[in-house]
Amino acid sequence: MTTTDRALLARSPRKQRYIPMQILLAFLLVYFLVPFWWVFVNSSKNAAGLFGGGSALWFADTIDYLGNLGQLFTYQDGIYVRWLANSAMYAIVGGVGATVLAVAAGYGFAKYRFAGRQLGFAILLGSVMVPTTALVIPTFILFSQLGLTNTIWAVILPTLLNPFGVYLMHVYTREAVPDELLDAARVDGASELRIFVQVALPMLRPAVVTVLLLSVVASWNNYFLPLAMLSDNRLFPVTVGIGLWQGIASANNSGGTSLWSIIILGSLVSVVPLVIAFLTLQKYWQGGLSIGSLK
């Protein structure tokens, strides 16, 4: 037996151990892609194609993306465009604000010693375990007493608090930013703000991008909070707006068949900004990770 044959025999059991994992990953890939494929296919159908009895996972004889897009952006005087703009505003303001607060708080917990630090971090960890939906009703009561319900601040202000983002930044800062480097900067006479901006922040780029993506996605997909806080449909995000249309279509079976087509297409269009955000920020994410691996 040659050396090559021995190497092949030694590697074959290892490859066999990976087969169940590969099957599981393939199953998960299909599981997550099938709903997206269903939305993509059915958003091309008109009312006849949706309810004509054809295959739900394949295109109908008539592909009508442009017609459905025209109905989507003109239905109810084009309110869908306003909903998209509202979602973008809530996601950008809330996501960026939550990221700024998470980075500052995580860095402070990781690199500074102050009274009540351990108690504050313990409260933070406890708040991570609380589901956000459980806080909607108390938040609504508080905001109603302040007169902030049915305003954009009723959606933006609660999203600025991201306990998981603070925890993630704390863990990453503790491992990625050496204390010796900060002490050397202090010896050189740099202020704490300059140390944070010029020394620590570049090292935290992968974690910052991660928290930003999570915050933006959570703000964009937020449903229960704006549903409870807002009554003016002009302030709705796209998630609540599509839910409103779905209720109309379900209640009006005779006239809601054409509405289902634009509801499905509206769901597909609402995902596009998130895909763009991931593709745009991916290079910064991967670049930061590669820099961290070289240290």
C-alpha atoms as a PDB file:
ATOM      1  CA  MET A   1       0.000   0.000   0.000  1.00  0.00           C
ATOM      2  CA  THR A   2       1.394   3.327  -1.051  1.00  0.00           C
ATOM      3  CA  THR A   3       1.534   6.482   1.009  1.00  0.00           C
ATOM      4  CA  THR A   4      -1.238   8.007  -1.118  1.00  0.00           C
ATOM      5  CA  ASP A   5      -3.568   5.076  -0.421  1.00  0.00           C
ATOM      6  CA  ARG A   6      -2.964   5.359   3.323  1.00  0.00           C
ATOM      7  CA  ALA A   7      -3.735   9.073   3.191  1.00  0.00           C
ATOM      8  CA  LEU A   8      -6.994   8.437   1.318  1.00  0.00           C
ATOM      9  CA  LEU A   9      -8.057   5.783   3.821  1.00  0.00           C
ATOM     10  CA  ALA A  10      -7.231   8.097   6.701  1.00  0.00           C
ATOM     11  CA  ARG A  11      -9.312  10.897   5.245  1.00  0.00           C
ATOM     12  CA  SER A  12     -12.380   8.868   4.233  1.00  0.00           C
ATOM     13  CA  PRO A  13     -13.796   8.361   7.783  1.00  0.00           C
ATOM     14  CA  ARG A  14     -13.478  12.083   8.408  1.00  0.00           C
ATOM     15  CA  LYS A  15     -15.448  12.835   5.238  1.00  0.00           C
ATOM     16  CA  GLN A  16     -18.119  10.323   6.274  1.00  0.00           C
ATOM     17  CA  ARG A  17     -18.520  12.105   9.607  1.00  0.00           C
ATOM     18  CA  TYR A  18     -19.385  15.302   7.735  1.00  0.00           C
ATOM     19  CA  ILE A  19     -22.127  13.709   5.610  1.00  0.00           C
ATOM     20  CA  PRO A  20     -24.931  13.993   8.256  1.00  0.00           C
ATOM     21  CA  MET A  21     -24.009  17.629   8.861  1.00  0.00           C
ATOM     22  CA  GLN A  22     -24.070  18.342   5.128  1.00  0.00           C
ATOM     23  CA  ILE A  23     -27.503  16.705   4.839  1.00  0.00           C
ATOM     24  CA  LEU A  24     -28.769  18.784   7.744  1.00  0.00           C
ATOM     25  CA  LEU A  25     -27.397  21.994   6.211  1.00  0.00           C
ATOM     26  CA  ALA A  26     -28.991  21.131   2.857  1.00  0.00           C
ATOM     27  CA  PHE A  27     -32.335  20.544   4.573  1.00  0.00           C
ATOM     28  CA  LEU A  28     -32.094  23.868   6.420  1.00  0.00           C
ATOM     29  CA  LEU A  29     -31.160  25.640   3.177  1.00  0.00           C
ATOM     30  CA  VAL A  30     -34.259  24.271   1.437  1.00  0.00           C
ATOM     31  CA  TYR A  31     -36.398  24.993   4.498  1.00  0.00           C
ATOM     32  CA  PHE A  32     -35.451  28.679   4.524  1.00  0.00           C
ATOM     33  CA  LEU A  33     -35.457  29.204   0.757  1.00  0.00           C
ATOM     34  CA  VAL A  34     -38.849  27.644  -0.017  1.00  0.00           C
ATOM     35  CA  PRO A  35     -40.910  30.459   1.631  1.00  0.00           C
ATOM     36  CA  PHE A  36     -38.862  33.104  -0.185  1.00  0.00           C
ATOM     37  CA  TRP A  37     -39.302  31.240  -3.462  1.00  0.00           C
ATOM     38  CA  TRP A  38     -43.061  31.039  -2.823  1.00  0.00           C
ATOM     39  CA  VAL A  39     -43.258  34.817  -2.327  1.00  0.00           C
ATOM     40  CA  PHE A  40     -41.108  35.473  -5.393  1.00  0.00           C
ATOM     41  CA  VAL A  41     -43.230  33.206  -7.614  1.00  0.00           C
ATOM     42  CA  ASN A  42     -46.654  34.270  -6.392  1.00  0.00           C
ATOM     43  CA  SER A  43     -45.847  37.976  -6.521  1.00  0.00           C
ATOM     44  CA  SER A  44     -45.770  37.585 -10.300  1.00  0.00           C
ATOM     45  CA  LYS A  45     -49.355  36.276 -10.461  1.00  0.00           C
ATOM     46  CA  ASN A  46     -52.587  38.170 -10.841  1.00  0.00           C
ATOM     47  CA  ALA A  47     -55.793  37.187  -9.051  1.00  0.00           C
ATOM     48  CA  ALA A  48     -56.584  34.514 -11.623  1.00  0.00           C
ATOM     49  CA  GLY A  49     -53.143  32.998 -11.284  1.00  0.00           C
ATOM     50  CA  LEU A  50     -53.271  32.959  -7.492  1.00  0.00           C
ATOM     51  CA  PHE A  51     -56.682  31.340  -7.196  1.00  0.00           C
ATOM     52  CA  GLY A  52     -56.762  29.418 -10.474  1.00  0.00           C
ATOM     53  CA  GLY A  53     -55.640  26.137  -8.956  1.00  0.00           C
ATOM     54  CA  GLY A  54     -52.125  26.059 -10.427  1.00  0.00           C
ATOM     55  CA  SER A  55     -48.921  25.137  -8.645  1.00  0.00           C
ATOM     56  CA  ALA A  56     -48.117  27.423  -5.742  1.00  0.00           C
ATOM     57  CA  LEU A  57     -44.357  26.930  -6.267  1.00  0.00           C
ATOM     58  CA  TRP A  58     -44.225  27.716  -9.970  1.00  0.00           C
ATOM     59  CA  PHE A  59     -45.134  30.589 -12.235  1.00  0.00           C
ATOM     60  CA  ALA A  60     -48.524  30.939 -13.864  1.00  0.00           C
ATOM     61  CA  ASP A  61     -49.015  31.329 -17.601  1.00  0.00           C
ATOM     62  CA  THR A  62     -49.159  35.103 -17.156  1.00  0.00           C
ATOM     63  CA  ILE A  63     -46.242  36.767 -15.351  1.00  0.00           C
ATOM     64  CA  ASP A  64     -47.361  40.225 -14.280  1.00  0.00           C
ATOM     65  CA  TYR A  65     -44.668  41.784 -12.085  1.00  0.00           C
ATOM     66  CA  LEU A  66     -45.023  45.207 -13.701  1.00  0.00           C
ATOM     67  CA  GLY A  67     -48.803  45.231 -13.403  1.00  0.00           C
ATOM     68  CA  ASN A  68     -48.668  44.211  -9.758  1.00  0.00           C
ATOM     69  CA  LEU A  69     -45.972  46.827  -9.066  1.00  0.00           C
ATOM     70  CA  GLY A  70     -48.167  49.493 -10.618  1.00  0.00           C
ATOM     71  CA  GLN A  71     -51.088  48.479  -8.409  1.00  0.00           C
ATOM     72  CA  LEU A  72     -48.841  48.254  -5.363  1.00  0.00           C
ATOM     73  CA  PHE A  73     -47.510  51.804  -5.675  1.00  0.00           C
ATOM     74  CA  THR A  74     -50.871  53.357  -6.643  1.00  0.00           C
ATOM     75  CA  TYR A  75     -53.268  51.530  -4.317  1.00  0.00           C
ATOM     76  CA  GLN A  76     -54.847  53.914  -1.762  1.00  0.00           C
ATOM     77  CA  ASP A  77     -53.059  56.888  -3.331  1.00  0.00           C
ATOM     78  CA  GLY A  78     -49.662  55.237  -3.099  1.00  0.00           C
ATOM     79  CA  ILE A  79     -49.606  54.838   0.659  1.00  0.00           C
ATOM     80  CA  TYR A  80     -47.204  51.883   0.333  1.00  0.00           C
ATOM     81  CA  VAL A  81     -44.419  54.321  -0.616  1.00  0.00           C
ATOM     82  CA  ARG A  82     -45.102  56.262   2.564  1.00  0.00           C
ATOM     83  CA  TRP A  83     -44.978  53.053   4.583  1.00  0.00           C
ATOM     84  CA  LEU A  84     -41.604  52.189   3.057  1.00  0.00           C
ATOM     85  CA  ALA A  85     -40.318  55.665   3.905  1.00  0.00           C
ATOM     86  CA  ASN A  86     -41.601  55.308   7.477  1.00  0.00           C
ATOM     87  CA  SER A  87     -39.877  51.934   7.862  1.00  0.00           C
ATOM     88  CA  ALA A  88     -36.636  53.392   6.507  1.00  0.00           C
ATOM     89  CA  MET A  89     -36.822  56.298   8.952  1.00  0.00           C
ATOM     90  CA  TYR A  90     -37.577  54.049  11.925  1.00  0.00           C
ATOM     91  CA  ALA A  91     -34.826  51.594  10.944  1.00  0.00           C
ATOM     92  CA  ILE A  92     -32.135  54.207  10.264  1.00  0.00           C
ATOM     93  CA  VAL A  93     -32.816  56.467  13.246  1.00  0.00           C
ATOM     94  CA  GLY A  94     -33.594  53.649  15.650  1.00  0.00           C
ATOM     95  CA  GLY A  95     -30.879  51.303  14.360  1.00  0.00           C
ATOM     96  CA  VAL A  96     -28.096  53.890  14.293  1.00  0.00           C
ATOM     97  CA  GLY A  97     -29.151  55.325  17.649  1.00  0.00           C
ATOM     98  CA  ALA A  98     -29.298  51.881  19.253  1.00  0.00           C
ATOM     99  CA  THR A  99     -25.861  51.069  17.827  1.00  0.00           C
ATOM    100  CA  VAL A 100     -24.310  54.275  19.174  1.00  0.00           C
ATOM    101  CA  LEU A 101     -25.716  53.658  22.644  1.00  0.00           C
ATOM    102  CA  ALA A 102     -24.730  49.969  22.576  1.00  0.00           C
ATOM    103  CA  VAL A 103     -21.151  50.733  21.528  1.00  0.00           C
ATOM    104  CA  ALA A 104     -20.736  53.419  24.189  1.00  0.00           C
ATOM    105  CA  ALA A 105     -22.326  51.352  26.962  1.00  0.00           C
ATOM    106  CA  GLY A 106     -20.508  48.136  26.016  1.00  0.00           C
ATOM    107  CA  TYR A 107     -17.164  49.921  25.913  1.00  0.00           C
ATOM    108  CA  GLY A 108     -17.849  51.578  29.262  1.00  0.00           C
ATOM    109  CA  PHE A 109     -18.788  48.301  30.965  1.00  0.00           C
ATOM    110  CA  ALA A 110     -15.727  46.545  29.525  1.00  0.00           C
ATOM    111  CA  LYS A 111     -12.982  49.123  30.090  1.00  0.00           C
ATOM    112  CA  TYR A 112     -13.978  51.271  33.059  1.00  0.00           C
ATOM    113  CA  ARG A 113     -14.418  50.529  36.751  1.00  0.00           C
ATOM    114  CA  PHE A 114     -17.142  52.533  38.468  1.00  0.00           C
ATOM    115  CA  ALA A 115     -19.582  52.194  41.352  1.00  0.00           C
ATOM    116  CA  GLY A 116     -22.548  49.964  40.527  1.00  0.00           C
ATOM    117  CA  ARG A 117     -20.861  48.436  37.498  1.00  0.00           C
ATOM    118  CA  GLN A 118     -21.569  44.825  38.425  1.00  0.00           C
ATOM    119  CA  LEU A 119     -25.137  45.575  39.486  1.00  0.00           C
ATOM    120  CA  GLY A 120     -25.788  47.496  36.286  1.00  0.00           C
ATOM    121  CA  PHE A 121     -24.370  44.696  34.151  1.00  0.00           C
ATOM    122  CA  ALA A 122     -26.451  42.128  36.029  1.00  0.00           C
ATOM    123  CA  ILE A 123     -29.588  44.172  35.327  1.00  0.00           C
ATOM    124  CA  LEU A 124     -28.508  44.340  31.690  1.00  0.00           C
ATOM    125  CA  LEU A 125     -28.174  40.564  31.471  1.00  0.00           C
ATOM    126  CA  GLY A 126     -31.587  40.172  33.081  1.00  0.00           C
ATOM    127  CA  SER A 127     -33.163  42.529  30.558  1.00  0.00           C
ATOM    128  CA  VAL A 128     -31.771  40.427  27.713  1.00  0.00           C
ATOM    129  CA  MET A 129     -33.983  37.563  28.921  1.00  0.00           C
ATOM    130  CA  VAL A 130     -37.158  39.657  28.815  1.00  0.00           C
ATOM    131  CA  PRO A 131     -39.009  39.390  25.480  1.00  0.00           C
ATOM    132  CA  THR A 132     -39.619  42.751  23.879  1.00  0.00           C
ATOM    133  CA  THR A 133     -43.285  41.959  23.267  1.00  0.00           C
ATOM    134  CA  ALA A 134     -43.812  41.734  27.028  1.00  0.00           C
ATOM    135  CA  LEU A 135     -42.729  45.364  27.362  1.00  0.00           C
ATOM    136  CA  VAL A 136     -45.060  46.784  24.715  1.00  0.00           C
ATOM    137  CA  ILE A 137     -48.108  47.268  26.955  1.00  0.00           C
ATOM    138  CA  PRO A 138     -46.181  48.917  29.851  1.00  0.00           C
ATOM    139  CA  THR A 139     -44.407  51.104  27.303  1.00  0.00           C
ATOM    140  CA  PHE A 140     -47.750  52.070  25.762  1.00  0.00           C
ATOM    141  CA  ILE A 141     -49.136  53.081  29.160  1.00  0.00           C
ATOM    142  CA  LEU A 142     -46.025  55.163  29.892  1.00  0.00           C
ATOM    143  CA  PHE A 143     -46.070  56.878  26.510  1.00  0.00           C
ATOM    144  CA  SER A 144     -49.813  57.544  26.707  1.00  0.00           C
ATOM    145  CA  GLN A 145     -49.255  59.399  29.983  1.00  0.00           C
ATOM    146  CA  LEU A 146     -46.528  61.442  28.285  1.00  0.00           C
ATOM    147  CA  GLY A 147     -48.729  62.159  25.263  1.00  0.00           C
ATOM    148  CA  LEU A 148     -46.340  60.462  22.833  1.00  0.00           C
ATOM    149  CA  THR A 149     -48.599  57.764  21.428  1.00  0.00           C
ATOM    150  CA  ASN A 150     -49.455  57.996  17.744  1.00  0.00           C
ATOM    151  CA  THR A 151     -46.172  59.819  17.063  1.00  0.00           C
ATOM    152  CA  ILE A 152     -42.933  58.672  15.466  1.00  0.00           C
ATOM    153  CA  TRP A 153     -41.201  58.912  18.861  1.00  0.00           C
ATOM    154  CA  ALA A 154     -43.430  56.147  20.199  1.00  0.00           C
ATOM    155  CA  VAL A 155     -41.684  53.806  17.744  1.00  0.00           C
ATOM    156  CA  ILE A 156     -38.173  55.281  17.708  1.00  0.00           C
ATOM    157  CA  LEU A 157     -37.467  55.791  21.424  1.00  0.00           C
ATOM    158  CA  PRO A 158     -38.100  52.185  22.566  1.00  0.00           C
ATOM    159  CA  THR A 159     -35.922  50.810  19.755  1.00  0.00           C
ATOM    160  CA  LEU A 160     -32.933  52.818  20.993  1.00  0.00           C
ATOM    161  CA  LEU A 161     -32.550  50.364  23.869  1.00  0.00           C
ATOM    162  CA  ASN A 162     -30.760  47.203  22.754  1.00  0.00           C
ATOM    163  CA  PRO A 163     -29.545  45.183  25.766  1.00  0.00           C
ATOM    164  CA  PHE A 164     -28.238  42.347  23.616  1.00  0.00           C
ATOM    165  CA  GLY A 165     -26.229  44.831  21.559  1.00  0.00           C
ATOM    166  CA  VAL A 166     -24.674  46.233  24.735  1.00  0.00           C
ATOM    167  CA  TYR A 167     -23.792  42.722  25.903  1.00  0.00           C
ATOM    168  CA  LEU A 168     -22.293  41.842  22.517  1.00  0.00           C
ATOM    169  CA  MET A 169     -20.188  45.007  22.484  1.00  0.00           C
ATOM    170  CA  HIS A 170     -19.054  44.364  26.061  1.00  0.00           C
ATOM    171  CA  VAL A 171     -17.857  40.851  25.262  1.00  0.00           C
ATOM    172  CA  TYR A 172     -16.133  41.860  22.032  1.00  0.00           C
ATOM    173  CA  THR A 173     -14.495  44.965  23.528  1.00  0.00           C
ATOM    174  CA  ARG A 174     -13.118  42.993  26.458  1.00  0.00           C
ATOM    175  CA  GLU A 175     -11.361  40.563  24.089  1.00  0.00           C
ATOM    176  CA  ALA A 176     -10.471  42.780  21.123  1.00  0.00           C
ATOM    177  CA  VAL A 177      -9.134  45.932  22.816  1.00  0.00           C
ATOM    178  CA  PRO A 178      -6.063  45.333  25.013  1.00  0.00           C
ATOM    179  CA  ASP A 179      -5.863  47.353  28.213  1.00  0.00           C
ATOM    180  CA  GLU A 180      -2.140  47.859  27.610  1.00  0.00           C
ATOM    181  CA  LEU A 181      -2.873  49.710  24.374  1.00  0.00           C
ATOM    182  CA  LEU A 182      -5.282  52.055  26.127  1.00  0.00           C
ATOM    183  CA  ASP A 183      -2.781  52.671  28.931  1.00  0.00           C
ATOM    184  CA  ALA A 184      -0.092  53.496  26.374  1.00  0.00           C
ATOM    185  CA  ALA A 185      -2.404  56.026  24.731  1.00  0.00           C
ATOM    186  CA  ARG A 186      -3.118  57.619  28.107  1.00  0.00           C
ATOM    187  CA  VAL A 187       0.611  57.873  28.827  1.00  0.00           C
ATOM    188  CA  ASP A 188       1.023  59.683  25.498  1.00  0.00           C
ATOM    189  CA  GLY A 189      -1.481  62.263  26.711  1.00  0.00           C
ATOM    190  CA  ALA A 190      -4.528  61.257  24.637  1.00  0.00           C
ATOM    191  CA  SER A 191      -7.941  62.076  26.075  1.00  0.00           C
ATOM    192  CA  GLU A 192     -10.486  59.347  26.762  1.00  0.00           C
ATOM    193  CA  LEU A 193     -12.647  60.453  23.840  1.00  0.00           C
ATOM    194  CA  ARG A 194      -9.697  60.408  21.462  1.00  0.00           C
ATOM    195  CA  ILE A 195      -8.658  56.978  22.717  1.00  0.00           C
ATOM    196  CA  PHE A 196     -12.151  55.653  22.100  1.00  0.00           C
ATOM    197  CA  VAL A 197     -12.512  57.170  18.618  1.00  0.00           C
ATOM    198  CA  GLN A 198      -9.003  56.645  17.233  1.00  0.00           C
ATOM    199  CA  VAL A 199      -7.771  53.559  19.089  1.00  0.00           C
ATOM    200  CA  ALA A 200     -10.671  51.409  20.237  1.00  0.00           C
ATOM    201  CA  LEU A 201     -13.348  52.079  17.638  1.00  0.00           C
ATOM    202  CA  PRO A 202     -11.364  50.797  14.602  1.00  0.00           C
ATOM    203  CA  MET A 203     -10.811  47.514  16.452  1.00  0.00           C
ATOM    204  CA  LEU A 204     -14.518  47.222  17.175  1.00  0.00           C
ATOM    205  CA  ARG A 205     -15.650  47.527  13.558  1.00  0.00           C
ATOM    206  CA  PRO A 206     -16.882  43.902  13.142  1.00  0.00           C
ATOM    207  CA  ALA A 207     -18.947  44.117  16.331  1.00  0.00           C
ATOM    208  CA  VAL A 208     -20.253  47.590  15.447  1.00  0.00           C
ATOM    209  CA  VAL A 209     -21.418  46.392  12.025  1.00  0.00           C
ATOM    210  CA  THR A 210     -23.004  43.324  13.606  1.00  0.00           C
ATOM    211  CA  VAL A 211     -24.941  45.372  16.149  1.00  0.00           C
ATOM    212  CA  LEU A 212     -25.940  47.847  13.424  1.00  0.00           C
ATOM    213  CA  LEU A 213     -27.303  45.092  11.208  1.00  0.00           C
ATOM    214  CA  LEU A 214     -29.193  43.463  14.063  1.00  0.00           C
ATOM    215  CA  SER A 215     -30.636  46.793  15.182  1.00  0.00           C
ATOM    216  CA  VAL A 216     -31.679  47.858  11.688  1.00  0.00           C
ATOM    217  CA  VAL A 217     -33.294  44.504  10.935  1.00  0.00           C
ATOM    218  CA  ALA A 218     -35.125  44.492  14.275  1.00  0.00           C
ATOM    219  CA  SER A 219     -36.380  48.033  13.703  1.00  0.00           C
ATOM    220  CA  TRP A 220     -37.440  47.275  10.120  1.00  0.00           C
ATOM    221  CA  ASN A 221     -39.290  44.092  11.108  1.00  0.00           C
ATOM    222  CA  ASN A 222     -40.875  45.656  14.199  1.00  0.00           C
ATOM    223  CA  TYR A 223     -44.596  44.916  14.177  1.00  0.00           C
ATOM    224  CA  PHE A 224     -46.225  44.681  17.597  1.00  0.00           C
ATOM    225  CA  LEU A 225     -44.806  47.947  18.969  1.00  0.00           C
ATOM    226  CA  PRO A 226     -46.012  50.226  16.114  1.00  0.00           C
ATOM    227  CA  LEU A 227     -49.268  48.296  15.970  1.00  0.00           C
ATOM    228  CA  ALA A 228     -49.945  49.185  19.613  1.00  0.00           C
ATOM    229  CA  MET A 229     -48.550  52.716  19.504  1.00  0.00           C
ATOM    230  CA  LEU A 230     -49.913  54.062  16.214  1.00  0.00           C
ATOM    231  CA  SER A 231     -53.468  54.663  15.051  1.00  0.00           C
ATOM    232  CA  ASP A 232     -52.753  56.913  12.065  1.00  0.00           C
ATOM    233  CA  ASN A 233     -52.083  54.703   9.037  1.00  0.00           C
ATOM    234  CA  ARG A 234     -49.857  57.430   7.559  1.00  0.00           C
ATOM    235  CA  LEU A 235     -47.338  56.668  10.334  1.00  0.00           C
ATOM    236  CA  PHE A 236     -47.431  52.886   9.877  1.00  0.00           C
ATOM    237  CA  PRO A 237     -44.270  51.012   8.918  1.00  0.00           C
ATOM    238  CA  VAL A 238     -44.546  48.606   6.015  1.00  0.00           C
ATOM    239  CA  THR A 239     -45.021  45.602   8.308  1.00  0.00           C
ATOM    240  CA  VAL A 240     -48.135  47.034   9.954  1.00  0.00           C
ATOM    241  CA  GLY A 241     -49.387  48.412   6.640  1.00  0.00           C
ATOM    242  CA  ILE A 242     -49.245  45.015   4.949  1.00  0.00           C
ATOM    243  CA  GLY A 243     -51.002  43.541   7.972  1.00  0.00           C
ATOM    244  CA  LEU A 244     -53.735  46.141   7.529  1.00  0.00           C
ATOM    245  CA  TRP A 245     -54.172  45.180   3.880  1.00  0.00           C
ATOM    246  CA  GLN A 246     -54.248  41.511   4.841  1.00  0.00           C
ATOM    247  CA  GLY A 247     -57.102  42.195   7.247  1.00  0.00           C
ATOM    248  CA  ILE A 248     -58.997  44.054   4.514  1.00  0.00           C
ATOM    249  CA  ALA A 249     -58.460  41.230   2.016  1.00  0.00           C
ATOM    250  CA  SER A 250     -59.532  38.577   4.523  1.00  0.00           C
ATOM    251  CA  ALA A 251     -62.679  40.481   5.502  1.00  0.00           C
ATOM    252  CA  ASN A 252     -63.659  41.234   1.898  1.00  0.00           C
ATOM    253  CA  ASN A 253     -63.458  37.904   0.141  1.00  0.00           C
ATOM    254  CA  SER A 254     -65.365  39.093  -2.914  1.00  0.00           C
ATOM    255  CA  GLY A 255     -63.236  42.155  -3.631  1.00  0.00           C
ATOM    256  CA  GLY A 256     -59.982  41.160  -1.942  1.00  0.00           C
ATOM    257  CA  THR A 257     -58.671  38.653  -4.471  1.00  0.00           C
ATOM    258  CA  SER A 258     -56.714  41.273  -6.445  1.00  0.00           C
ATOM    259  CA  LEU A 259     -55.424  42.747  -3.177  1.00  0.00           C
ATOM    260  CA  TRP A 260     -53.665  39.489  -2.311  1.00  0.00           C
ATOM    261  CA  SER A 261     -51.399  39.904  -5.333  1.00  0.00           C
ATOM    262  CA  ILE A 262     -50.078  43.268  -4.193  1.00  0.00           C
ATOM    263  CA  ILE A 263     -49.852  42.056  -0.584  1.00  0.00           C
ATOM    264  CA  ILE A 264     -47.496  39.271  -1.656  1.00  0.00           C
ATOM    265  CA  LEU A 265     -45.495  41.601  -3.897  1.00  0.00           C
ATOM    266  CA  GLY A 266     -45.379  44.202  -1.121  1.00  0.00           C
ATOM    267  CA  SER A 267     -43.894  41.575   1.197  1.00  0.00           C
ATOM    268  CA  LEU A 268     -41.235  40.814  -1.414  1.00  0.00           C
ATOM    269  CA  VAL A 269     -40.387  44.486  -1.968  1.00  0.00           C
ATOM    270  CA  SER A 270     -40.116  45.074   1.779  1.00  0.00           C
ATOM    271  CA  VAL A 271     -37.263  42.537   1.973  1.00  0.00           C
ATOM    272  CA  VAL A 272     -35.157  44.230  -0.720  1.00  0.00           C
ATOM    273  CA  PRO A 273     -33.787  47.053   1.536  1.00  0.00           C
ATOM    274  CA  LEU A 274     -32.601  44.482   4.083  1.00  0.00           C
ATOM    275  CA  VAL A 275     -30.810  42.489   1.373  1.00  0.00           C
ATOM    276  CA  ILE A 276     -29.147  45.694   0.149  1.00  0.00           C
ATOM    277  CA  ALA A 277     -28.086  46.565   3.699  1.00  0.00           C
ATOM    278  CA  PHE A 278     -26.475  43.152   4.216  1.00  0.00           C
ATOM    279  CA  LEU A 279     -24.672  43.242   0.868  1.00  0.00           C
ATOM    280  CA  THR A 280     -23.464  46.798   1.480  1.00  0.00           C
ATOM    281  CA  LEU A 281     -22.136  46.206   4.984  1.00  0.00           C
ATOM    282  CA  GLN A 282     -20.757  42.743   4.311  1.00  0.00           C
ATOM    283  CA  LYS A 283     -17.383  43.992   3.037  1.00  0.00           C
ATOM    284  CA  TYR A 284     -16.841  46.057   6.204  1.00  0.00           C
ATOM    285  CA  TRP A 285     -17.866  43.083   8.296  1.00  0.00           C
ATOM    286  CA  GLN A 286     -15.505  40.648   6.582  1.00  0.00           C
ATOM    287  CA  GLY A 287     -12.729  43.215   6.385  1.00  0.00           C
ATOM    288  CA  GLY A 288     -12.881  43.833  10.114  1.00  0.00           C
ATOM    289  CA  LEU A 289     -12.873  40.129  10.850  1.00  0.00           C
ATOM    290  CA  SER A 290      -9.810  39.570   8.678  1.00  0.00           C
ATOM    291  CA  ILE A 291      -7.995  42.441  10.401  1.00  0.00           C
ATOM    292  CA  GLY A 292      -8.794  40.900  13.792  1.00  0.00           C
ATOM    293  CA  SER A 293      -7.425  37.542  12.671  1.00  0.00           C
ATOM    294  CA  LEU A 294      -4.054  39.092  11.821  1.00  0.00           C
ATOM    295  CA  LYS A 295      -3.454  40.566  15.255  1.00  0.00           C
END
